[in-house]
Amino acid sequence: MWKSSGEFIGAVAAAAGLRSSSTRDLFMPEASAPNSNALAPFRIGPLFVTRVWGYRDLRPWFDRVAEGDPIGEVWLTGDDCRVATGPSAGQRLAQVFGHAGRSLVGAGAQDACSPLLIKVLFAHEKLSVQVHPDDMLARQSGFPRGKTECWYALSAEPGAEVAVGLKPGTTTGEVAAGIQHGTLEDYLATLTVQQGDMVFVDAGTVHAIWPGSVLLETQQYCDLTYRMYDYGRPRELHIEKSLEAMRLETRAGKITPHALFDRTVLLNSEYFRIERLPVAGTRTSASLRGDDPEPKLAYLFAAAGTGRITGAGFEAVDLPARGIIAVPATAPDFVLQDAGGLDLIRITANWPVRK
């Protein structure tokens, strides 16, 4: 277990060989040979997912009011999300990965499927206390991967909390008894969340999200959740599987941001990297990539404000507030413009060594 979140981010940053980009790359488009497999950047439309613990009115974050059950999750890169711009407009994202996956993810990816599920979470009530399996356990159950995730706080009310992990010294027997007697919360370690905080939640961590914050969640593309306790709601629990999947100690917790010359690395784990990039006027596609060793799929999310991508050979792509643009590994050169107050989050997949 890492002694501190700073030690964790420092270790993964060193392992990834983080370096500063040059000033020249920030402002000068790079030259590149034409690519017959090139895919232009495209915007993805959000998918609004109902959850019993969600909100009916997502304004001002999204212009959406639920007609029926409350909405708890807005999926930004789900398989059923629709492409909103470009030649594939109207297609499900899964269809695009199905026929152009390798052009999207890049030659260095382990496979050509969609690697990350990115969501915005709106918790009006407490979510269930839950745990996700790691890769090995998920594969034993017939799933391709487990679920490590992280939460970036887009907004947080004073005193907003999340539960991440178990209190030191907690035993498996105490967790089982807490589930049975409705006292599981007594054993949860809690964190106060403020806007801009990044919380890492590796697979096996017992966790829960409580009301008061709006969270940008990045996770391995797996929606496998084992509920341990659900506050009396009539939903299925997975007690045996959750006890098997949980770890008494994990690396979970707040992560200290790592400032570089042209960006702030919010988190760099074995599965994904999340960065916050300033955009003073414009930035080129090369400067957005920074020191990525090879072309890879990137997602550009507007936490606030708006932007616009322009380049030769494709129509301009607007990035609205809380919108997301996929930048394929084979994307041609482009320029990103700050169209007003853009707060840009860049998310890419990492590929751990298979065990």
Protein backbone atom coordinates (compact mmCIF):
# COMPACT_ATOMS: atom_id res chain seq x y z
CA MET A 1 0.00 0.00 0.00
CA TRP A 2 1.30 3.45 -0.85
CA LYS A 3 2.23 5.58 2.14
CA SER A 4 0.61 8.65 0.61
CA SER A 5 -1.28 9.74 -2.48
CA GLY A 6 1.72 11.89 -3.36
CA GLU A 7 3.96 8.83 -3.35
CA PHE A 8 1.50 7.02 -5.63
CA ILE A 9 1.28 9.80 -8.21
CA GLY A 10 5.01 10.32 -8.08
CA ALA A 11 5.67 6.65 -8.71
CA VAL A 12 3.32 6.36 -11.66
CA ALA A 13 4.57 9.63 -13.11
CA ALA A 14 8.15 8.41 -12.93
CA ALA A 15 7.15 5.09 -14.47
CA ALA A 16 5.48 6.88 -17.35
CA GLY A 17 8.54 9.08 -17.92
CA LEU A 18 6.70 12.41 -17.73
CA ARG A 19 8.59 15.30 -19.32
CA SER A 20 7.80 18.86 -20.29
CA SER A 21 6.71 19.81 -23.81
CA SER A 22 8.58 22.54 -25.65
CA THR A 23 7.18 26.03 -26.09
CA ARG A 24 7.45 25.59 -29.86
CA ASP A 25 4.99 22.68 -29.86
CA LEU A 26 2.32 24.80 -28.17
CA PHE A 27 1.91 27.17 -31.07
CA MET A 28 3.25 25.56 -34.26
CA PRO A 29 1.27 22.82 -36.02
CA GLU A 30 3.40 19.81 -36.86
CA ALA A 31 3.78 18.51 -40.39
CA SER A 32 2.77 14.94 -41.07
CA ALA A 33 2.32 12.67 -44.05
CA PRO A 34 -1.25 12.02 -45.22
CA ASN A 35 -2.83 9.02 -43.53
CA SER A 36 -5.33 7.00 -45.55
CA ASN A 37 -6.78 5.61 -42.31
CA ALA A 38 -7.16 9.03 -40.70
CA LEU A 39 -10.27 9.69 -38.64
CA ALA A 40 -11.16 13.28 -37.83
CA PRO A 41 -12.10 14.30 -34.27
CA PHE A 42 -15.82 13.94 -33.56
CA ARG A 43 -18.20 14.91 -30.79
CA ILE A 44 -20.14 12.24 -28.90
CA GLY A 45 -23.67 12.87 -27.67
CA PRO A 46 -24.47 12.14 -24.01
CA LEU A 47 -26.61 9.22 -22.86
CA PHE A 48 -28.83 9.94 -19.86
CA VAL A 49 -29.13 6.92 -17.58
CA THR A 50 -31.82 6.65 -14.92
CA ARG A 51 -30.82 5.76 -11.37
CA VAL A 52 -32.99 5.63 -8.27
CA TRP A 53 -30.55 7.91 -6.43
CA GLY A 54 -30.35 10.57 -9.16
CA TYR A 55 -31.89 13.96 -9.99
CA ARG A 56 -34.89 14.86 -12.11
CA ASP A 57 -33.44 18.20 -13.22
CA LEU A 58 -29.81 18.28 -14.38
CA ARG A 59 -29.75 21.97 -15.20
CA PRO A 60 -27.48 23.94 -15.41
CA TRP A 61 -25.05 21.06 -16.03
CA PHE A 62 -27.12 19.56 -18.85
CA ASP A 63 -30.31 20.86 -20.44
CA ARG A 64 -32.26 17.81 -19.33
CA VAL A 65 -35.29 17.24 -17.11
CA ALA A 66 -36.33 13.65 -16.46
CA GLU A 67 -39.80 12.72 -17.65
CA GLY A 68 -39.88 9.57 -15.54
CA ASP A 69 -37.29 8.08 -13.20
CA PRO A 70 -34.50 10.35 -11.97
CA ILE A 71 -31.24 10.57 -13.88
CA GLY A 72 -28.08 9.65 -11.97
CA GLU A 73 -25.48 9.13 -14.68
CA VAL A 74 -24.66 10.87 -17.94
CA TRP A 75 -22.56 8.50 -20.04
CA LEU A 76 -20.18 10.37 -22.32
CA THR A 77 -18.41 7.44 -24.02
CA GLY A 78 -20.86 4.57 -23.65
CA ASP A 79 -21.35 2.04 -26.43
CA ASP A 80 -24.90 3.31 -26.93
CA CYS A 81 -23.90 6.97 -27.10
CA ARG A 82 -24.44 8.44 -30.56
CA VAL A 83 -21.79 10.15 -32.63
CA ALA A 84 -22.93 13.76 -33.08
CA THR A 85 -20.63 15.07 -35.82
CA GLY A 86 -18.74 13.93 -38.90
CA PRO A 87 -19.29 11.07 -41.37
CA SER A 88 -20.39 8.65 -38.61
CA ALA A 89 -22.99 11.00 -37.13
CA GLY A 90 -25.98 9.07 -35.83
CA GLN A 91 -24.10 5.82 -35.34
CA ARG A 92 -23.68 4.21 -31.94
CA LEU A 93 -20.16 4.53 -30.60
CA ALA A 94 -19.95 0.73 -30.49
CA GLN A 95 -20.53 0.64 -34.26
CA VAL A 96 -17.67 3.03 -34.88
CA PHE A 97 -15.32 0.95 -32.74
CA GLY A 98 -16.59 -2.13 -34.55
CA HIS A 99 -15.48 -0.97 -38.00
CA ALA A 100 -12.66 1.45 -37.16
CA GLY A 101 -11.44 0.44 -33.72
CA ARG A 102 -7.75 0.20 -34.54
CA SER A 103 -7.77 3.60 -36.24
CA LEU A 104 -9.39 5.00 -33.11
CA VAL A 105 -7.23 3.49 -30.37
CA GLY A 106 -3.86 3.28 -32.14
CA ALA A 107 -1.38 0.55 -32.94
CA GLY A 108 -0.07 0.35 -29.37
CA ALA A 109 -3.42 -0.55 -27.78
CA GLN A 110 -3.93 -4.09 -26.49
CA ASP A 111 -7.20 -4.41 -28.37
CA ALA A 112 -9.42 -2.32 -30.60
CA CYS A 113 -12.44 -2.02 -28.29
CA SER A 114 -13.57 1.06 -26.40
CA PRO A 115 -11.14 1.26 -23.46
CA LEU A 116 -12.77 3.76 -21.09
CA LEU A 117 -16.24 4.59 -19.86
CA ILE A 118 -16.50 8.24 -18.85
CA LYS A 119 -19.53 9.52 -16.96
CA VAL A 120 -20.83 12.48 -14.98
CA LEU A 121 -22.48 11.37 -11.73
CA PHE A 122 -25.33 13.22 -10.02
CA ALA A 123 -26.09 11.81 -6.57
CA HIS A 124 -29.23 13.25 -4.98
CA GLU A 125 -29.30 10.34 -2.52
CA LYS A 126 -26.64 7.96 -1.26
CA LEU A 127 -25.46 5.36 -3.75
CA SER A 128 -25.16 1.76 -2.59
CA VAL A 129 -22.04 0.67 -0.75
CA GLN A 130 -20.31 -1.38 -3.42
CA VAL A 131 -17.12 -2.89 -4.76
CA HIS A 132 -15.77 -3.77 -8.21
CA PRO A 133 -13.66 -6.83 -9.10
CA ASP A 134 -10.14 -6.59 -10.45
CA ASP A 135 -9.13 -7.91 -13.87
CA MET A 136 -8.31 -11.43 -12.70
CA LEU A 137 -11.53 -11.94 -10.78
CA ALA A 138 -13.64 -10.41 -13.56
CA ARG A 139 -12.12 -12.76 -16.13
CA GLN A 140 -12.84 -15.74 -13.89
CA SER A 141 -16.49 -14.66 -14.11
CA GLY A 142 -16.42 -14.37 -17.90
CA PHE A 143 -15.85 -10.61 -18.23
CA PRO A 144 -12.93 -9.15 -20.21
CA ARG A 145 -11.73 -6.76 -17.51
CA GLY A 146 -12.35 -5.46 -14.02
CA LYS A 147 -13.17 -1.96 -12.93
CA THR A 148 -10.70 0.53 -11.53
CA GLU A 149 -12.07 4.07 -11.56
CA CYS A 150 -11.49 7.62 -10.41
CA TRP A 151 -13.60 10.66 -9.59
CA TYR A 152 -12.80 14.26 -10.43
CA ALA A 153 -14.99 16.72 -8.52
CA LEU A 154 -16.55 19.18 -10.96
CA SER A 155 -18.49 20.72 -8.09
CA ALA A 156 -18.89 20.09 -4.37
CA GLU A 157 -21.05 21.60 -1.66
CA PRO A 158 -19.42 22.41 1.69
CA GLY A 159 -18.94 19.18 3.66
CA ALA A 160 -19.61 16.85 0.71
CA GLU A 161 -18.23 13.38 1.38
CA VAL A 162 -17.47 10.10 -0.33
CA ALA A 163 -16.61 6.77 1.28
CA VAL A 164 -13.40 5.24 -0.03
CA GLY A 165 -12.06 2.09 1.56
CA LEU A 166 -12.36 0.64 5.04
CA LYS A 167 -11.14 2.05 8.33
CA PRO A 168 -7.73 0.66 9.37
CA GLY A 169 -8.01 -2.61 11.25
CA THR A 170 -11.43 -3.56 9.87
CA THR A 171 -11.80 -7.31 9.35
CA THR A 172 -13.75 -9.29 6.79
CA GLY A 173 -15.95 -10.60 9.60
CA GLU A 174 -16.83 -7.06 10.66
CA VAL A 175 -17.74 -6.14 7.10
CA ALA A 176 -20.00 -9.19 6.81
CA ALA A 177 -21.65 -8.38 10.14
CA GLY A 178 -22.07 -4.74 9.09
CA ILE A 179 -23.90 -5.85 5.95
CA GLN A 180 -26.17 -8.13 7.95
CA HIS A 181 -26.99 -5.61 10.67
CA GLY A 182 -27.13 -2.43 8.56
CA THR A 183 -24.05 -0.92 10.23
CA LEU A 184 -21.60 -1.15 7.34
CA GLU A 185 -21.17 2.64 7.23
CA ASP A 186 -19.47 2.43 10.63
CA TYR A 187 -16.50 0.72 8.98
CA LEU A 188 -16.12 3.02 5.96
CA ALA A 189 -13.31 5.54 5.62
CA THR A 190 -14.68 8.88 4.43
CA LEU A 191 -13.17 11.80 2.55
CA THR A 192 -14.39 15.37 2.32
CA VAL A 193 -14.50 16.40 -1.33
CA GLN A 194 -13.87 19.87 -2.74
CA GLN A 195 -14.10 21.12 -6.31
CA GLY A 196 -10.99 20.06 -8.21
CA ASP A 197 -10.20 17.03 -6.04
CA MET A 198 -9.20 13.78 -7.71
CA VAL A 199 -10.03 10.51 -5.94
CA PHE A 200 -8.54 7.22 -7.11
CA VAL A 201 -10.64 4.08 -6.50
CA ASP A 202 -8.81 0.93 -7.50
CA ALA A 203 -10.64 -2.36 -7.97
CA GLY A 204 -11.39 -4.09 -4.70
CA THR A 205 -12.05 -0.84 -2.81
CA VAL A 206 -15.30 -0.73 -0.82
CA HIS A 207 -16.79 2.65 -1.67
CA ALA A 208 -19.89 4.81 -1.83
CA ILE A 209 -20.78 8.22 -3.23
CA TRP A 210 -22.92 10.46 -1.07
CA PRO A 211 -24.89 13.60 -2.05
CA GLY A 212 -23.27 16.99 -2.42
CA SER A 213 -20.88 16.66 -5.36
CA VAL A 214 -20.95 16.34 -9.14
CA LEU A 215 -18.26 13.90 -10.22
CA LEU A 216 -16.55 13.15 -13.53
CA GLU A 217 -15.91 9.41 -13.38
CA THR A 218 -13.32 7.69 -15.57
CA GLN A 219 -13.22 3.91 -15.41
CA GLN A 220 -12.16 0.80 -17.22
CA TYR A 221 -14.93 -0.06 -19.66
CA CYS A 222 -16.78 -2.43 -17.35
CA ASP A 223 -20.10 -1.87 -15.61
CA LEU A 224 -19.68 -4.79 -13.20
CA THR A 225 -20.77 -3.70 -9.71
CA TYR A 226 -21.29 -5.79 -6.59
CA ARG A 227 -23.67 -4.13 -4.14
CA MET A 228 -22.95 -4.78 -0.47
CA TYR A 229 -25.58 -2.57 1.15
CA ASP A 230 -28.33 -0.44 -0.42
CA TYR A 231 -30.15 1.38 2.41
CA GLY A 232 -33.23 -0.77 2.15
CA ARG A 233 -33.88 -0.14 -1.53
CA PRO A 234 -35.40 -3.15 -3.34
CA ARG A 235 -32.39 -3.89 -5.55
CA GLU A 236 -30.31 -7.03 -5.78
CA LEU A 237 -27.34 -7.37 -3.42
CA HIS A 238 -24.23 -9.39 -4.26
CA ILE A 239 -22.92 -10.15 -0.80
CA GLU A 240 -20.84 -13.26 -1.50
CA LYS A 241 -19.27 -11.80 -4.64
CA SER A 242 -18.59 -8.47 -2.95
CA LEU A 243 -16.82 -10.11 -0.02
CA GLU A 244 -14.72 -12.08 -2.49
CA ALA A 245 -13.86 -8.99 -4.53
CA MET A 246 -13.10 -6.56 -1.69
CA ARG A 247 -9.64 -5.84 -0.30
CA LEU A 248 -9.16 -4.66 3.25
CA GLU A 249 -6.39 -2.30 2.12
CA THR A 250 -6.07 -0.59 -1.28
CA ARG A 251 -4.32 2.39 -2.87
CA ALA A 252 -7.55 4.41 -2.97
CA GLY A 253 -7.63 8.01 -1.86
CA LYS A 254 -7.08 11.59 -2.94
CA ILE A 255 -4.31 12.12 -5.48
CA THR A 256 -2.03 15.15 -5.41
CA PRO A 257 -1.92 16.83 -8.84
CA HIS A 258 1.42 16.87 -10.66
CA ALA A 259 2.17 20.18 -12.42
CA LEU A 260 4.12 20.09 -15.67
CA PHE A 261 5.14 22.89 -18.02
CA ASP A 262 1.98 22.90 -20.11
CA ARG A 263 -0.54 20.83 -18.14
CA THR A 264 -1.46 19.43 -14.75
CA VAL A 265 -1.59 15.66 -14.43
CA LEU A 266 -4.54 14.92 -12.16
CA LEU A 267 -3.95 11.16 -12.20
CA ASN A 268 -1.75 8.73 -14.11
CA SER A 269 -2.63 5.13 -13.26
CA GLU A 270 -2.02 1.83 -15.00
CA TYR A 271 -5.37 2.17 -16.81
CA PHE A 272 -5.87 5.85 -17.59
CA ARG A 273 -4.36 9.30 -17.44
CA ILE A 274 -6.36 12.45 -16.70
CA GLU A 275 -4.90 15.88 -17.36
CA ARG A 276 -6.11 19.46 -17.06
CA LEU A 277 -4.76 21.65 -19.87
CA PRO A 278 -4.86 25.45 -20.06
CA VAL A 279 -5.94 26.82 -23.42
CA ALA A 280 -4.81 30.41 -23.79
CA GLY A 281 -6.41 31.26 -27.11
CA THR A 282 -5.48 28.14 -29.10
CA ARG A 283 -3.50 24.92 -28.81
CA THR A 284 -2.34 22.60 -31.56
CA SER A 285 -3.01 18.88 -31.65
CA ALA A 286 0.72 18.29 -31.06
CA SER A 287 0.72 20.38 -27.89
CA LEU A 288 -2.35 18.53 -26.59
CA ARG A 289 -0.57 15.20 -27.05
CA GLY A 290 2.51 16.45 -25.26
CA ASP A 291 4.92 13.59 -24.68
CA ASP A 292 2.68 10.65 -25.49
CA PRO A 293 5.17 8.12 -26.85
CA GLU A 294 2.83 7.09 -29.66
CA PRO A 295 -0.51 8.19 -31.09
CA LYS A 296 -3.48 7.05 -29.03
CA LEU A 297 -7.16 7.78 -28.58
CA ALA A 298 -7.83 10.85 -26.46
CA TYR A 299 -11.05 12.32 -25.11
CA LEU A 300 -11.38 16.09 -24.63
CA PHE A 301 -13.98 17.09 -22.04
CA ALA A 302 -15.12 20.64 -21.36
CA ALA A 303 -15.56 20.89 -17.59
CA ALA A 304 -16.66 24.49 -18.21
CA GLY A 305 -16.75 26.89 -21.11
CA THR A 306 -16.68 26.03 -24.79
CA GLY A 307 -14.16 25.26 -27.51
CA ARG A 308 -13.85 24.54 -31.20
CA ILE A 309 -11.64 22.20 -33.23
CA THR A 310 -10.67 23.14 -36.79
CA GLY A 311 -8.37 21.45 -39.29
CA ALA A 312 -7.86 20.77 -42.97
CA GLY A 313 -10.11 18.16 -44.53
CA PHE A 314 -12.92 18.06 -41.97
CA GLU A 315 -15.72 20.30 -40.72
CA ALA A 316 -15.17 22.25 -37.51
CA VAL A 317 -16.29 20.46 -34.35
CA ASP A 318 -17.78 22.51 -31.53
CA LEU A 319 -17.16 21.49 -27.92
CA PRO A 320 -19.99 22.68 -25.65
CA ALA A 321 -19.82 22.86 -21.88
CA ARG A 322 -19.83 19.31 -20.46
CA GLY A 323 -19.41 18.00 -24.00
CA ILE A 324 -16.78 15.50 -25.10
CA ILE A 325 -14.81 15.06 -28.31
CA ALA A 326 -13.03 11.87 -29.33
CA VAL A 327 -9.64 12.45 -30.93
CA PRO A 328 -8.67 9.24 -32.77
CA ALA A 329 -5.07 8.08 -32.78
CA THR A 330 -5.05 8.66 -36.55
CA ALA A 331 -6.57 12.15 -36.39
CA PRO A 332 -5.09 14.75 -38.76
CA ASP A 333 -3.48 17.89 -37.41
CA PHE A 334 -5.88 20.40 -35.89
CA VAL A 335 -6.15 23.47 -33.69
CA LEU A 336 -8.31 23.74 -30.57
CA GLN A 337 -9.69 27.20 -29.88
CA ASP A 338 -10.96 28.47 -26.55
CA ALA A 339 -14.39 29.82 -27.51
CA GLY A 340 -15.04 31.19 -24.02
CA GLY A 341 -13.90 30.08 -20.55
CA LEU A 342 -12.76 26.62 -21.64
CA ASP A 343 -11.67 24.36 -18.77
CA LEU A 344 -10.25 21.38 -20.65
CA ILE A 345 -9.82 17.85 -19.31
CA ARG A 346 -7.91 15.36 -21.48
CA ILE A 347 -8.37 11.64 -20.82
CA THR A 348 -6.38 8.81 -22.38
CA ALA A 349 -6.11 5.07 -21.79
CA ASN A 350 -3.03 3.32 -20.48
CA TRP A 351 -2.36 -0.35 -21.17
CA PRO A 352 -1.10 -2.40 -18.22
CA VAL A 353 0.86 -5.61 -18.64
CA ARG A 354 -1.60 -8.49 -18.67
CA LYS A 355 -1.24 -10.89 -15.74
